[in-house]
Amino acid sequence: MTTALLTLAVTVAAYLIGSLSFAVIVSRVMGLHDPRSYGSGNPGATNVLRSGNKKAAVLTLVFDLLKGLIPVVLVLQFGEPWNLRGNTAALVGLAAFLGHLWPVFFRFQGGKGVATAAGVLLGLHAGLGLAVLAIWIAVAFATRYSSLAALIASIAAPIVHIVGWGPSGATLAITLMSALLVWRHRANIGKLMAGTESKLGQKSSPAAPAATASHGHSAGHHKDRGHGRKR
């Protein structure tokens, strides 16, 4: 197999791995509501946390991070004999990230990609990933806004990479991920400006179907009581 075909193959494989929406998978396994049906509707760890199940949120975070980390590490560790080097690793990481955003297994309705992007950065350069993660933690701790932390960390990522490791092919992939992360948080930007954004640890409102059913039951109950008074 030629280098070009092998590069295509590992890129497609990384996209398919990224398409595994662990927020949905973990929630189904643990008998929770589909994360796309409550809170922000985003299938990611932060929204799963709004279900009140911290274990499910942690598992989602870990698996989403690993699906960005593992493909990059595999290319860097085992790709050299097939001429798969740093640029291919960056491409593979970008593919996994795009899979999370637009997962083929879930009708292309994916999450925002924060954890998966963090995994990619850790795979490319551990120091880069840790530095950007530290920025996220600092902002999240200070403000309790996960979205604001993600936005600031996203903007910082390509800058940290250029300053710490110099511009390279990976810079383009990191910049594209950062731009897509900001774009995917556009609704959160509006909520932050309006002061209506949910904070970390804040529970969501019930899932829409459940709320509708509850409302219908309540309305029917009051209606029956009304008929009872007439009788």
Protein backbone atom coordinates (compact mmCIF):
# COMPACT_ATOMS: atom_id res chain seq x y z
CA MET A 1 0.00 0.00 0.00
CA THR A 2 1.35 3.42 -0.95
CA THR A 3 1.89 6.16 1.63
CA ALA A 4 -1.00 8.18 0.18
CA LEU A 5 -3.46 5.28 0.44
CA LEU A 6 -2.28 4.42 3.95
CA THR A 7 -2.68 8.06 4.99
CA LEU A 8 -6.22 8.03 3.63
CA ALA A 9 -6.97 4.76 5.42
CA VAL A 10 -5.77 5.93 8.85
CA THR A 11 -7.55 9.26 8.39
CA VAL A 12 -10.87 7.54 7.65
CA ALA A 13 -10.31 5.18 10.59
CA ALA A 14 -9.71 8.15 12.89
CA TYR A 15 -12.89 9.82 11.65
CA LEU A 16 -14.87 6.65 12.41
CA ILE A 17 -13.38 6.46 15.90
CA GLY A 18 -14.28 10.10 16.43
CA SER A 19 -17.83 9.33 15.32
CA LEU A 20 -18.41 7.24 18.44
CA SER A 21 -20.57 9.63 20.50
CA PHE A 22 -19.72 8.45 24.00
CA ALA A 23 -22.13 10.88 25.65
CA VAL A 24 -24.98 9.00 23.98
CA ILE A 25 -23.39 5.56 24.37
CA VAL A 26 -22.56 5.96 28.07
CA SER A 27 -25.99 7.44 28.80
CA ARG A 28 -27.73 4.50 27.11
CA VAL A 29 -25.61 1.94 28.95
CA MET A 30 -26.30 3.64 32.29
CA GLY A 31 -30.04 4.05 31.64
CA LEU A 32 -29.97 7.86 31.48
CA HIS A 33 -31.84 10.26 29.20
CA ASP A 34 -30.28 10.92 25.82
CA PRO A 35 -28.07 14.02 26.40
CA ARG A 36 -29.43 15.49 23.18
CA SER A 37 -32.87 15.78 24.83
CA TYR A 38 -32.07 18.08 27.76
CA GLY A 39 -29.95 21.04 28.81
CA SER A 40 -27.99 22.43 25.88
CA GLY A 41 -28.77 19.35 23.79
CA ASN A 42 -25.04 18.87 23.27
CA PRO A 43 -23.78 15.25 23.44
CA GLY A 44 -20.77 16.03 25.58
CA ALA A 45 -19.47 15.55 29.12
CA THR A 46 -20.63 18.96 30.40
CA ASN A 47 -24.21 18.34 29.36
CA VAL A 48 -24.15 14.77 30.73
CA LEU A 49 -23.06 16.31 34.06
CA ARG A 50 -26.31 18.28 34.06
CA SER A 51 -28.13 14.95 34.39
CA GLY A 52 -26.73 14.79 37.91
CA ASN A 53 -24.73 11.62 37.21
CA LYS A 54 -21.07 12.53 37.75
CA LYS A 55 -19.80 9.04 36.91
CA ALA A 56 -21.43 9.18 33.47
CA ALA A 57 -19.95 12.63 32.87
CA VAL A 58 -16.43 11.49 33.83
CA LEU A 59 -16.65 8.39 31.62
CA THR A 60 -17.86 10.53 28.71
CA LEU A 61 -15.01 12.98 29.23
CA VAL A 62 -12.37 10.23 29.38
CA PHE A 63 -13.60 8.35 26.32
CA ASP A 64 -14.04 11.52 24.26
CA LEU A 65 -10.49 12.55 25.15
CA LEU A 66 -9.08 9.11 24.32
CA LYS A 67 -10.66 9.02 20.87
CA GLY A 68 -8.65 12.14 20.00
CA LEU A 69 -5.48 10.99 21.75
CA ILE A 70 -5.14 7.36 20.63
CA PRO A 71 -5.17 7.80 16.82
CA VAL A 72 -2.51 10.53 17.06
CA VAL A 73 -0.29 8.50 19.39
CA LEU A 74 -0.59 5.40 17.20
CA VAL A 75 0.59 7.30 14.12
CA LEU A 76 3.48 8.92 15.97
CA GLN A 77 4.57 5.64 17.56
CA PHE A 78 4.14 3.25 14.66
CA GLY A 79 3.87 5.33 11.49
CA GLU A 80 7.54 6.05 10.79
CA PRO A 81 8.25 2.82 8.82
CA TRP A 82 5.39 3.76 6.46
CA ASN A 83 6.41 7.44 6.19
CA LEU A 84 3.53 8.55 8.40
CA ARG A 85 4.95 11.41 10.43
CA GLY A 86 3.90 14.53 12.32
CA ASN A 87 1.74 16.03 9.60
CA THR A 88 -0.17 12.77 9.22
CA ALA A 89 -0.65 12.63 12.99
CA ALA A 90 -2.12 16.15 12.89
CA LEU A 91 -4.40 15.16 10.01
CA VAL A 92 -5.54 12.05 11.86
CA GLY A 93 -6.26 14.12 14.98
CA LEU A 94 -8.29 16.59 12.94
CA ALA A 95 -10.25 13.70 11.41
CA ALA A 96 -11.12 12.31 14.86
CA PHE A 97 -12.21 15.80 15.94
CA LEU A 98 -14.41 16.19 12.84
CA GLY A 99 -15.91 12.78 13.56
CA HIS A 100 -16.98 14.01 16.98
CA LEU A 101 -18.57 17.13 15.49
CA TRP A 102 -20.30 15.29 12.65
CA PRO A 103 -20.52 11.58 13.62
CA VAL A 104 -21.58 9.30 10.80
CA PHE A 105 -23.10 6.84 13.30
CA PHE A 106 -25.40 9.47 14.85
CA ARG A 107 -26.87 11.26 11.84
CA PHE A 108 -23.99 13.78 11.87
CA GLN A 109 -25.36 15.34 15.08
CA GLY A 110 -22.32 15.59 17.32
CA GLY A 111 -20.87 17.54 20.19
CA LYS A 112 -18.66 20.59 20.37
CA GLY A 113 -15.40 18.67 20.54
CA VAL A 114 -13.62 20.19 23.55
CA ALA A 115 -12.48 16.89 25.13
CA THR A 116 -11.57 15.33 21.77
CA ALA A 117 -9.54 18.40 20.80
CA ALA A 118 -7.75 18.20 24.16
CA GLY A 119 -6.87 14.58 23.39
CA VAL A 120 -5.47 15.57 20.01
CA LEU A 121 -3.31 18.29 21.57
CA LEU A 122 -2.03 15.90 24.23
CA GLY A 123 -1.14 13.40 21.53
CA LEU A 124 0.73 15.92 19.37
CA HIS A 125 2.65 17.47 22.29
CA ALA A 126 1.95 16.53 25.90
CA GLY A 127 3.16 19.95 27.06
CA LEU A 128 0.83 21.71 24.64
CA GLY A 129 -2.16 19.71 25.79
CA LEU A 130 -1.36 20.26 29.46
CA ALA A 131 -0.84 24.00 28.96
CA VAL A 132 -4.17 24.44 27.17
CA LEU A 133 -5.88 22.20 29.73
CA ALA A 134 -4.46 24.37 32.52
CA ILE A 135 -5.96 27.44 30.84
CA TRP A 136 -9.35 25.69 30.63
CA ILE A 137 -9.22 24.66 34.30
CA ALA A 138 -8.18 28.13 35.47
CA VAL A 139 -11.00 29.88 33.58
CA ALA A 140 -13.59 27.24 34.52
CA PHE A 141 -12.59 27.41 38.20
CA ALA A 142 -12.70 31.21 38.23
CA THR A 143 -16.00 31.62 36.35
CA ARG A 144 -17.73 28.20 36.53
CA TYR A 145 -18.58 28.64 32.86
CA SER A 146 -17.41 25.62 30.87
CA SER A 147 -18.19 27.34 27.57
CA LEU A 148 -16.12 30.43 28.40
CA ALA A 149 -13.22 28.22 29.47
CA ALA A 150 -13.47 26.31 26.18
CA LEU A 151 -13.54 29.51 24.12
CA ILE A 152 -10.48 31.01 25.79
CA ALA A 153 -8.55 27.73 25.67
CA SER A 154 -9.45 27.31 21.99
CA ILE A 155 -8.15 30.75 21.08
CA ALA A 156 -4.99 30.15 23.13
CA ALA A 157 -4.16 26.73 21.62
CA PRO A 158 -2.61 27.79 18.27
CA ILE A 159 -0.82 30.69 19.97
CA VAL A 160 0.71 28.38 22.60
CA HIS A 161 1.73 25.94 19.86
CA ILE A 162 3.48 28.57 17.77
CA VAL A 163 5.25 30.12 20.77
CA GLY A 164 6.29 26.80 22.29
CA TRP A 165 7.01 24.61 19.27
CA GLY A 166 7.10 26.94 16.29
CA PRO A 167 4.79 26.93 13.25
CA SER A 168 4.40 23.62 11.46
CA GLY A 169 1.85 21.53 9.61
CA ALA A 170 0.19 20.81 12.94
CA THR A 171 -0.44 24.54 13.44
CA LEU A 172 -2.95 24.54 10.60
CA ALA A 173 -4.86 21.58 12.06
CA ILE A 174 -4.87 23.15 15.53
CA THR A 175 -6.04 26.52 14.16
CA LEU A 176 -8.86 24.85 12.22
CA MET A 177 -9.96 22.93 15.34
CA SER A 178 -9.89 26.16 17.34
CA ALA A 179 -11.98 28.00 14.76
CA LEU A 180 -14.54 25.19 14.68
CA LEU A 181 -14.67 25.10 18.49
CA VAL A 182 -15.47 28.81 18.60
CA TRP A 183 -18.08 28.37 15.87
CA ARG A 184 -19.71 25.46 17.70
CA HIS A 185 -19.96 27.65 20.81
CA ARG A 186 -21.70 30.53 19.01
CA ALA A 187 -24.97 29.92 20.91
CA ASN A 188 -23.05 29.89 24.19
CA ILE A 189 -21.45 33.21 23.29
CA GLY A 190 -24.92 34.73 22.97
CA LYS A 191 -25.98 33.25 26.32
CA LEU A 192 -22.82 34.48 28.02
CA MET A 193 -23.47 37.99 26.74
CA ALA A 194 -27.09 37.78 27.89
CA GLY A 195 -26.13 36.33 31.29
CA THR A 196 -28.24 33.20 30.78
CA GLU A 197 -25.48 30.61 30.30
CA SER A 198 -25.62 27.58 32.63
CA LYS A 199 -22.76 27.09 35.06
CA LEU A 200 -20.81 23.92 35.79
CA GLY A 201 -22.68 21.56 38.09
CA GLN A 202 -26.02 23.22 37.41
CA LYS A 203 -28.67 20.59 36.76
CA SER A 204 -30.70 20.78 33.58
CA SER A 205 -34.41 21.05 33.16
CA PRO A 206 -36.12 17.68 32.50
CA ALA A 207 -35.93 16.16 29.06
CA ALA A 208 -38.43 17.69 26.66
CA PRO A 209 -40.51 14.52 26.14
CA ALA A 210 -40.69 13.91 29.86
CA ALA A 211 -41.65 17.50 30.53
CA THR A 212 -44.36 17.35 27.90
CA ALA A 213 -45.74 14.13 29.28
CA SER A 214 -45.68 15.55 32.80
CA HIS A 215 -47.50 18.66 31.67
CA GLY A 216 -50.12 16.62 29.87
CA HIS A 217 -50.66 14.43 32.92
CA SER A 218 -50.98 17.49 35.16
CA ALA A 219 -53.46 19.15 32.83
CA GLY A 220 -55.52 15.97 32.61
CA HIS A 221 -55.47 15.65 36.41
CA HIS A 222 -56.79 19.16 36.91
CA LYS A 223 -59.42 18.58 34.26
CA ASP A 224 -60.62 15.43 36.02
CA ARG A 225 -60.78 17.29 39.31
CA GLY A 226 -62.86 19.94 37.63
CA HIS A 227 -65.33 17.34 36.36
CA GLY A 228 -65.40 15.84 39.84
CA ARG A 229 -66.48 19.14 41.36
CA LYS A 230 -69.27 19.46 38.81
CA ARG A 231 -70.57 16.09 39.77
